[in-house]
């Protein structure tokens, strides 16, 4: 058993270093529903392996 070093932003599960997945999320800005444009910067997100797998489906 390992100490938790992070928390999944989707499900809230505590994560050890071995099971932490970093995913950089694209950012968009603009009015609803249009115009919207992609921002070059990305926002880092910490996920568990199960949520990462669900997002990649």
PDB file of N, CA and C in Angstrom:
ATOM      1  N   UNK A   1       0.850  -1.174   0.000  1.00  0.00           N
ATOM      2  CA  UNK A   1       0.000   0.000   0.000  1.00  0.00           C
ATOM      3  C   UNK A   1       0.892   1.232   0.000  1.00  0.00           C
ATOM      4  N   UNK A   2       0.494   2.248  -0.761  1.00  0.00           N
ATOM      5  CA  UNK A   2       1.252   3.492  -0.875  1.00  0.00           C
ATOM      6  C   UNK A   2       0.410   4.668  -0.424  1.00  0.00           C
ATOM      7  N   UNK A   3       1.078   5.738  -0.057  1.00  0.00           N
ATOM      8  CA  UNK A   3       0.373   6.968   0.305  1.00  0.00           C
ATOM      9  C   UNK A   3      -0.169   7.645  -0.951  1.00  0.00           C
ATOM     10  N   UNK A   4      -1.311   8.298  -0.813  1.00  0.00           N
ATOM     11  CA  UNK A   4      -1.884   9.046  -1.927  1.00  0.00           C
ATOM     12  C   UNK A   4      -1.086  10.331  -2.136  1.00  0.00           C
ATOM     13  N   UNK A   5      -0.814  10.643  -3.408  1.00  0.00           N
ATOM     14  CA  UNK A   5      -0.088  11.861  -3.746  1.00  0.00           C
ATOM     15  C   UNK A   5      -0.943  12.801  -4.601  1.00  0.00           C
ATOM     16  N   UNK A   6      -2.124  12.347  -4.981  1.00  0.00           N
ATOM     17  CA  UNK A   6      -3.011  13.156  -5.806  1.00  0.00           C
ATOM     18  C   UNK A   6      -4.415  12.597  -5.780  1.00  0.00           C
ATOM     19  N   UNK A   7      -5.340  13.295  -6.431  1.00  0.00           N
ATOM     20  CA  UNK A   7      -6.742  12.905  -6.481  1.00  0.00           C
ATOM     21  C   UNK A   7      -7.224  13.029  -7.924  1.00  0.00           C
ATOM     22  N   UNK A   8      -7.930  12.027  -8.413  1.00  0.00           N
ATOM     23  CA  UNK A   8      -8.504  12.065  -9.758  1.00  0.00           C
ATOM     24  C   UNK A   8      -9.545  13.188  -9.826  1.00  0.00           C
ATOM     25  N   UNK A   9      -9.449  14.061 -10.830  1.00  0.00           N
ATOM     26  CA  UNK A   9     -10.377  15.187 -10.942  1.00  0.00           C
ATOM     27  C   UNK A   9     -11.775  14.762 -11.367  1.00  0.00           C
ATOM     28  N   UNK A  10     -11.939  13.525 -11.838  1.00  0.00           N
ATOM     29  CA  UNK A  10     -13.253  13.061 -12.273  1.00  0.00           C
ATOM     30  C   UNK A  10     -13.974  12.295 -11.168  1.00  0.00           C
ATOM     31  N   UNK A  11     -13.347  11.254 -10.620  1.00  0.00           N
ATOM     32  CA  UNK A  11     -14.041  10.401  -9.645  1.00  0.00           C
ATOM     33  C   UNK A  11     -13.648  10.674  -8.198  1.00  0.00           C
ATOM     34  N   UNK A  12     -12.546  11.407  -7.971  1.00  0.00           N
ATOM     35  CA  UNK A  12     -12.132  11.739  -6.613  1.00  0.00           C
ATOM     36  C   UNK A  12     -11.302  10.673  -5.923  1.00  0.00           C
ATOM     37  N   UNK A  13     -10.909   9.625  -6.632  1.00  0.00           N
ATOM     38  CA  UNK A  13     -10.108   8.558  -6.040  1.00  0.00           C
ATOM     39  C   UNK A  13      -8.721   9.080  -5.680  1.00  0.00           C
ATOM     40  N   UNK A  14      -8.218   8.698  -4.502  1.00  0.00           N
ATOM     41  CA  UNK A  14      -6.850   9.018  -4.120  1.00  0.00           C
ATOM     42  C   UNK A  14      -5.881   8.186  -4.949  1.00  0.00           C
ATOM     43  N   UNK A  15      -4.779   8.795  -5.393  1.00  0.00           N
ATOM     44  CA  UNK A  15      -3.855   8.119  -6.302  1.00  0.00           C
ATOM     45  C   UNK A  15      -2.434   8.115  -5.768  1.00  0.00           C
ATOM     46  N   UNK A  16      -1.766   6.968  -5.910  1.00  0.00           N
ATOM     47  CA  UNK A  16      -0.338   6.890  -5.620  1.00  0.00           C
ATOM     48  C   UNK A  16       0.412   7.265  -6.896  1.00  0.00           C
ATOM     49  N   UNK A  17       1.722   7.438  -6.807  1.00  0.00           N
ATOM     50  CA  UNK A  17       2.511   7.825  -7.980  1.00  0.00           C
ATOM     51  C   UNK A  17       2.405   6.792  -9.109  1.00  0.00           C
ATOM     52  N   UNK A  18       2.285   5.527  -8.762  1.00  0.00           N
ATOM     53  CA  UNK A  18       2.224   4.476  -9.771  1.00  0.00           C
ATOM     54  C   UNK A  18       0.946   4.533 -10.607  1.00  0.00           C
ATOM     55  N   UNK A  19      -0.152   4.990 -10.023  1.00  0.00           N
ATOM     56  CA  UNK A  19      -1.449   4.978 -10.708  1.00  0.00           C
ATOM     57  C   UNK A  19      -1.930   6.369 -11.108  1.00  0.00           C
ATOM     58  N   UNK A  20      -1.062   7.357 -11.084  1.00  0.00           N
ATOM     59  CA  UNK A  20      -1.418   8.714 -11.479  1.00  0.00           C
ATOM     60  C   UNK A  20      -1.181   8.888 -12.973  1.00  0.00           C
ATOM     61  N   UNK A  21      -2.192   9.401 -13.669  1.00  0.00           N
ATOM     62  CA  UNK A  21      -2.097   9.670 -15.108  1.00  0.00           C
ATOM     63  C   UNK A  21      -2.262  11.171 -15.305  1.00  0.00           C
ATOM     64  N   UNK A  22      -1.301  11.797 -15.987  1.00  0.00           N
ATOM     65  CA  UNK A  22      -1.429  13.218 -16.310  1.00  0.00           C
ATOM     66  C   UNK A  22      -1.950  13.337 -17.729  1.00  0.00           C
ATOM     67  N   UNK A  23      -2.993  14.128 -17.876  1.00  0.00           N
ATOM     68  CA  UNK A  23      -3.576  14.375 -19.200  1.00  0.00           C
ATOM     69  C   UNK A  23      -3.722  15.877 -19.368  1.00  0.00           C
ATOM     70  N   UNK A  24      -3.169  16.412 -20.438  1.00  0.00           N
ATOM     71  CA  UNK A  24      -3.291  17.843 -20.709  1.00  0.00           C
ATOM     72  C   UNK A  24      -4.578  18.092 -21.485  1.00  0.00           C
ATOM     73  N   UNK A  25      -5.443  18.906 -20.917  1.00  0.00           N
ATOM     74  CA  UNK A  25      -6.748  19.193 -21.491  1.00  0.00           C
ATOM     75  C   UNK A  25      -6.668  20.419 -22.388  1.00  0.00           C
ATOM     76  N   UNK A  26      -7.262  20.337 -23.573  1.00  0.00           N
ATOM     77  CA  UNK A  26      -7.333  21.490 -24.468  1.00  0.00           C
ATOM     78  C   UNK A  26      -8.247  22.540 -23.867  1.00  0.00           C
ATOM     79  N   UNK A  27      -7.955  23.803 -24.132  1.00  0.00           N
ATOM     80  CA  UNK A  27      -8.782  24.904 -23.653  1.00  0.00           C
ATOM     81  C   UNK A  27      -9.446  25.601 -24.831  1.00  0.00           C
ATOM     82  N   UNK A  28     -10.695  25.986 -24.642  1.00  0.00           N
ATOM     83  CA  UNK A  28     -11.459  26.708 -25.654  1.00  0.00           C
ATOM     84  C   UNK A  28     -12.025  27.951 -25.004  1.00  0.00           C
ATOM     85  N   UNK A  29     -12.177  29.010 -25.769  1.00  0.00           N
ATOM     86  CA  UNK A  29     -12.844  30.193 -25.242  1.00  0.00           C
ATOM     87  C   UNK A  29     -13.707  30.801 -26.338  1.00  0.00           C
ATOM     88  N   UNK A  30     -14.665  31.573 -25.914  1.00  0.00           N
ATOM     89  CA  UNK A  30     -15.564  32.215 -26.864  1.00  0.00           C
ATOM     90  C   UNK A  30     -16.969  32.248 -26.318  1.00  0.00           C
ATOM     91  N   UNK A  31     -17.857  32.889 -27.043  1.00  0.00           N
ATOM     92  CA  UNK A  31     -19.240  33.002 -26.621  1.00  0.00           C
ATOM     93  C   UNK A  31     -20.006  31.721 -26.868  1.00  0.00           C
ATOM     94  N   UNK A  32     -21.125  31.587 -26.196  1.00  0.00           N
ATOM     95  CA  UNK A  32     -21.966  30.408 -26.384  1.00  0.00           C
ATOM     96  C   UNK A  32     -22.976  30.678 -27.466  1.00  0.00           C
ATOM     97  N   UNK A  33     -23.300  29.822 -28.359  1.00  0.00           N
ATOM     98  CA  UNK A  33     -22.561  28.621 -28.701  1.00  0.00           C
ATOM     99  C   UNK A  33     -21.396  28.907 -29.647  1.00  0.00           C
ATOM    100  N   UNK A  34     -21.384  30.079 -30.287  1.00  0.00           N
ATOM    101  CA  UNK A  34     -20.317  30.439 -31.221  1.00  0.00           C
ATOM    102  C   UNK A  34     -19.970  31.888 -31.024  1.00  0.00           C
ATOM    103  N   UNK A  35     -18.902  32.422 -31.376  1.00  0.00           N
ATOM    104  CA  UNK A  35     -17.711  31.757 -31.900  1.00  0.00           C
ATOM    105  C   UNK A  35     -16.866  31.201 -30.765  1.00  0.00           C
ATOM    106  N   UNK A  36     -16.258  30.118 -31.000  1.00  0.00           N
ATOM    107  CA  UNK A  36     -15.340  29.507 -30.045  1.00  0.00           C
ATOM    108  C   UNK A  36     -14.032  29.223 -30.761  1.00  0.00           C
ATOM    109  N   UNK A  37     -12.941  29.396 -30.070  1.00  0.00           N
ATOM    110  CA  UNK A  37     -11.659  29.075 -30.690  1.00  0.00           C
ATOM    111  C   UNK A  37     -10.754  28.391 -29.687  1.00  0.00           C
ATOM    112  N   UNK A  38      -9.864  27.611 -30.227  1.00  0.00           N
ATOM    113  CA  UNK A  38      -8.927  26.804 -29.448  1.00  0.00           C
ATOM    114  C   UNK A  38      -7.797  27.686 -28.934  1.00  0.00           C
ATOM    115  N   UNK A  39      -7.439  27.539 -27.668  1.00  0.00           N
ATOM    116  CA  UNK A  39      -6.322  28.262 -27.070  1.00  0.00           C
ATOM    117  C   UNK A  39      -5.097  27.357 -27.117  1.00  0.00           C
ATOM    118  N   UNK A  40      -3.954  27.905 -27.438  1.00  0.00           N
ATOM    119  CA  UNK A  40      -2.735  27.092 -27.572  1.00  0.00           C
ATOM    120  C   UNK A  40      -2.305  26.450 -26.255  1.00  0.00           C
ATOM    121  N   UNK A  41      -2.561  27.097 -25.146  1.00  0.00           N
ATOM    122  CA  UNK A  41      -2.168  26.529 -23.850  1.00  0.00           C
ATOM    123  C   UNK A  41      -3.053  25.335 -23.512  1.00  0.00           C
ATOM    124  N   UNK A  42      -2.521  24.447 -22.686  1.00  0.00           N
ATOM    125  CA  UNK A  42      -3.271  23.275 -22.239  1.00  0.00           C
ATOM    126  C   UNK A  42      -3.261  23.266 -20.711  1.00  0.00           C
ATOM    127  N   UNK A  43      -4.298  22.715 -20.127  1.00  0.00           N
ATOM    128  CA  UNK A  43      -4.450  22.657 -18.687  1.00  0.00           C
ATOM    129  C   UNK A  43      -4.178  21.239 -18.199  1.00  0.00           C
ATOM    130  N   UNK A  44      -3.172  21.055 -17.316  1.00  0.00           N
ATOM    131  CA  UNK A  44      -2.886  19.697 -16.847  1.00  0.00           C
ATOM    132  C   UNK A  44      -3.989  19.187 -15.916  1.00  0.00           C
ATOM    133  N   UNK A  45      -4.355  17.940 -16.082  1.00  0.00           N
ATOM    134  CA  UNK A  45      -5.352  17.262 -15.245  1.00  0.00           C
ATOM    135  C   UNK A  45      -4.760  15.950 -14.764  1.00  0.00           C
ATOM    136  N   UNK A  46      -5.080  15.571 -13.526  1.00  0.00           N
ATOM    137  CA  UNK A  46      -4.627  14.310 -12.948  1.00  0.00           C
ATOM    138  C   UNK A  46      -5.817  13.355 -12.915  1.00  0.00           C
ATOM    139  N   UNK A  47      -5.632  12.156 -13.484  1.00  0.00           N
ATOM    140  CA  UNK A  47      -6.699  11.169 -13.578  1.00  0.00           C
ATOM    141  C   UNK A  47      -6.236   9.816 -13.055  1.00  0.00           C
ATOM    142  N   UNK A  48      -7.208   8.972 -12.692  1.00  0.00           N
ATOM    143  CA  UNK A  48      -6.907   7.581 -12.372  1.00  0.00           C
ATOM    144  C   UNK A  48      -6.916   6.797 -13.688  1.00  0.00           C
ATOM    145  N   UNK A  49      -6.336   5.605 -13.722  1.00  0.00           N
ATOM    146  CA  UNK A  49      -6.308   4.821 -14.963  1.00  0.00           C
ATOM    147  C   UNK A  49      -7.704   4.489 -15.509  1.00  0.00           C
ATOM    148  N   UNK A  50      -8.689   4.262 -14.637  1.00  0.00           N
ATOM    149  CA  UNK A  50     -10.027   3.920 -15.088  1.00  0.00           C
ATOM    150  C   UNK A  50     -10.700   5.100 -15.803  1.00  0.00           C
ATOM    151  N   UNK A  51     -10.576   6.303 -15.256  1.00  0.00           N
ATOM    152  CA  UNK A  51     -11.168   7.474 -15.897  1.00  0.00           C
ATOM    153  C   UNK A  51     -10.439   7.807 -17.184  1.00  0.00           C
ATOM    154  N   UNK A  52      -9.127   7.646 -17.218  1.00  0.00           N
ATOM    155  CA  UNK A  52      -8.353   7.862 -18.443  1.00  0.00           C
ATOM    156  C   UNK A  52      -8.841   6.921 -19.542  1.00  0.00           C
ATOM    157  N   UNK A  53      -9.058   5.651 -19.190  1.00  0.00           N
ATOM    158  CA  UNK A  53      -9.540   4.674 -20.172  1.00  0.00           C
ATOM    159  C   UNK A  53     -10.926   5.033 -20.672  1.00  0.00           C
ATOM    160  N   UNK A  54     -11.797   5.511 -19.779  1.00  0.00           N
ATOM    161  CA  UNK A  54     -13.156   5.886 -20.176  1.00  0.00           C
ATOM    162  C   UNK A  54     -13.137   7.096 -21.121  1.00  0.00           C
ATOM    163  N   UNK A  55     -12.244   8.040 -20.907  1.00  0.00           N
ATOM    164  CA  UNK A  55     -12.155   9.209 -21.767  1.00  0.00           C
ATOM    165  C   UNK A  55     -11.588   8.888 -23.140  1.00  0.00           C
ATOM    166  N   UNK A  56     -10.797   7.835 -23.242  1.00  0.00           N
ATOM    167  CA  UNK A  56     -10.174   7.475 -24.508  1.00  0.00           C
ATOM    168  C   UNK A  56     -11.056   6.593 -25.382  1.00  0.00           C
ATOM    169  N   UNK A  57     -12.247   6.247 -24.942  1.00  0.00           N
ATOM    170  CA  UNK A  57     -13.154   5.403 -25.729  1.00  0.00           C
ATOM    171  C   UNK A  57     -13.724   6.138 -26.891  1.00  0.00           C
TER     172      UNK A  57
END
